[in-house]
Amino acid sequence: MTLASVPVPCPICKIPIYPALLGGQEAIHCAECGGTGLKKESLAKLMPHGPKELVKGPEEEAHKTPPFFEPRQKPPFLICPFCGKRMKEKKLGPVACDVCEKCKALWMDGQKSKHLNDILGPYKWQSLSDSSRGRR
């Protein structure tokens, strides 16, 4: 896994998140809330068919819940773990996910990564229409 060696905080839990693979593409995953993030480039390489298994890295396998950690409620908006800009909740197919307003990264809360096949088509369609609006 080749994501940055400096850990970034989970947009919900605010603890470091770990590199992972989802459907063979680079992702990040929170060991506490189960959230998963993917960059636009990783999403573009995924096909909307077949199983998408989350493979946790060795760093996450060694994760221990920090002392005095308490699960947090999802804030009104998230900060993108990739670029630090604001994310906006959008309905993608049957599931609501957070999409970065700048880099178009995707954050899926909890177990939403199981619905990735349902999310991919609407995400790619929305990315294409956003790109075509920007060219005019």
Protein backbone atom coordinates (compact mmCIF):
# COMPACT_ATOMS: atom_id res chain seq x y z
CA MET A 1 0.00 0.00 0.00
CA THR A 2 1.45 3.34 -1.01
CA LEU A 3 -0.64 6.00 0.69
CA ALA A 4 1.15 8.76 2.58
CA SER A 5 3.06 7.61 5.64
CA VAL A 6 1.69 10.49 7.73
CA PRO A 7 -1.59 9.30 9.25
CA VAL A 8 -4.62 11.49 8.60
CA PRO A 9 -7.48 11.75 11.08
CA CYS A 10 -10.86 10.14 10.51
CA PRO A 11 -13.37 12.87 9.59
CA ILE A 12 -15.75 11.45 12.23
CA CYS A 13 -13.64 9.90 15.03
CA LYS A 14 -10.67 12.28 14.72
CA ILE A 15 -8.19 9.44 15.31
CA PRO A 16 -5.61 8.27 12.72
CA ILE A 17 -6.98 6.16 9.87
CA TYR A 18 -5.12 3.43 8.07
CA PRO A 19 -4.28 2.52 4.48
CA ALA A 20 -6.38 -0.29 3.02
CA LEU A 21 -7.41 -1.72 -0.33
CA LEU A 22 -10.99 -1.83 -1.56
CA GLY A 23 -11.56 -3.78 -4.74
CA GLY A 24 -7.79 -3.69 -5.30
CA GLN A 25 -7.66 0.12 -5.18
CA GLU A 26 -6.02 2.34 -2.55
CA ALA A 27 -8.37 3.40 0.22
CA ILE A 28 -8.28 4.54 3.84
CA HIS A 29 -10.24 2.93 6.66
CA CYS A 30 -11.11 3.88 10.25
CA ALA A 31 -10.73 1.01 12.71
CA GLU A 32 -13.22 2.59 15.12
CA CYS A 33 -16.22 3.81 13.07
CA GLY A 34 -15.62 1.59 10.03
CA GLY A 35 -15.64 4.54 7.63
CA THR A 36 -13.86 4.16 4.29
CA GLY A 37 -12.43 6.83 1.99
CA LEU A 38 -11.42 6.62 -1.66
CA LYS A 39 -9.80 9.19 -3.92
CA LYS A 40 -11.44 10.07 -7.23
CA GLU A 41 -8.60 8.29 -9.10
CA SER A 42 -9.21 5.04 -7.22
CA LEU A 43 -12.95 5.26 -7.82
CA ALA A 44 -12.39 5.81 -11.55
CA LYS A 45 -10.53 2.48 -11.77
CA LEU A 46 -13.26 0.46 -10.05
CA MET A 47 -15.86 -1.32 -12.13
CA PRO A 48 -19.46 -1.38 -10.83
CA HIS A 49 -19.65 -5.21 -10.92
CA GLY A 50 -18.52 -7.94 -8.61
CA PRO A 51 -17.48 -8.09 -4.97
CA LYS A 52 -15.39 -5.33 -3.45
CA GLU A 53 -13.50 -6.78 -0.52
CA LEU A 54 -11.91 -4.43 2.01
CA VAL A 55 -8.37 -5.55 2.79
CA LYS A 56 -6.99 -3.91 5.93
CA GLY A 57 -3.30 -3.15 6.16
CA PRO A 58 -0.98 -4.51 8.85
CA GLU A 59 -1.10 -1.16 10.68
CA GLU A 60 -4.85 -1.49 11.20
CA GLU A 61 -4.58 -5.15 12.22
CA ALA A 62 -2.40 -3.96 15.13
CA HIS A 63 -4.87 -1.18 16.09
CA LYS A 64 -5.88 -0.84 19.72
CA THR A 65 -8.68 1.50 20.76
CA PRO A 66 -7.10 4.54 22.45
CA PRO A 67 -7.71 4.87 26.19
CA PHE A 68 -10.74 7.00 27.02
CA PHE A 69 -11.94 6.88 23.39
CA GLU A 70 -15.65 7.50 22.99
CA PRO A 71 -17.43 7.02 19.65
CA ARG A 72 -18.53 10.32 18.13
CA GLN A 73 -21.67 11.30 16.29
CA LYS A 74 -21.21 12.33 12.67
CA PRO A 75 -20.75 16.14 12.49
CA PRO A 76 -22.98 18.30 10.23
CA PHE A 77 -20.26 18.22 7.55
CA LEU A 78 -16.99 16.33 7.18
CA ILE A 79 -13.50 17.55 6.32
CA CYS A 80 -11.91 15.59 3.47
CA PRO A 81 -9.12 13.35 4.78
CA PHE A 82 -7.28 13.72 1.45
CA CYS A 83 -7.27 17.48 0.79
CA GLY A 84 -8.69 19.07 3.94
CA LYS A 85 -11.65 20.76 2.23
CA ARG A 86 -15.34 20.50 3.09
CA MET A 87 -17.33 17.43 2.06
CA LYS A 88 -21.01 17.49 1.14
CA GLU A 89 -23.46 14.65 1.72
CA LYS A 90 -24.95 13.41 -1.56
CA LYS A 91 -27.35 10.61 -2.38
CA LEU A 92 -25.62 8.18 -4.72
CA GLY A 93 -28.06 5.51 -5.75
CA PRO A 94 -29.72 4.10 -2.62
CA VAL A 95 -27.02 5.38 -0.24
CA ALA A 96 -26.03 8.83 1.06
CA CYS A 97 -22.25 9.38 1.11
CA ASP A 98 -19.97 12.38 1.57
CA VAL A 99 -18.18 13.75 -1.51
CA CYS A 100 -15.40 16.34 -1.31
CA GLU A 101 -16.36 19.60 -2.98
CA LYS A 102 -12.79 20.08 -4.25
CA CYS A 103 -11.06 16.75 -4.99
CA LYS A 104 -14.26 14.62 -5.38
CA ALA A 105 -13.02 11.99 -2.89
CA LEU A 106 -15.71 9.77 -1.40
CA TRP A 107 -16.26 8.93 2.29
CA MET A 108 -18.60 6.09 3.20
CA ASP A 109 -19.71 5.84 6.83
CA GLY A 110 -19.64 2.52 8.64
CA GLN A 111 -20.64 -0.42 6.51
CA LYS A 112 -21.62 1.57 3.40
CA SER A 113 -18.63 0.19 1.50
CA LYS A 114 -20.70 -3.00 1.13
CA HIS A 115 -22.94 -0.94 -1.19
CA LEU A 116 -20.04 0.31 -3.34
CA ASN A 117 -21.38 -1.39 -6.49
CA ASP A 118 -24.65 0.59 -6.09
CA ILE A 119 -22.73 3.83 -5.44
CA LEU A 120 -20.20 3.64 -8.31
CA GLY A 121 -22.57 4.26 -11.23
CA PRO A 122 -24.22 7.38 -9.76
CA TYR A 123 -20.82 8.66 -8.50
CA LYS A 124 -19.21 8.33 -11.95
CA TRP A 125 -22.25 9.88 -13.66
CA GLN A 126 -22.18 12.84 -11.26
CA SER A 127 -18.40 13.28 -11.72
CA LEU A 128 -18.82 13.32 -15.50
CA SER A 129 -21.63 15.89 -15.39
CA ASP A 130 -19.62 18.06 -12.92
CA SER A 131 -16.62 17.91 -15.30
CA SER A 132 -18.67 18.86 -18.36
CA ARG A 133 -20.21 21.84 -16.50
CA GLY A 134 -16.71 23.07 -15.62
CA ARG A 135 -15.60 23.10 -19.29
CA ARG A 136 -18.32 25.44 -20.50
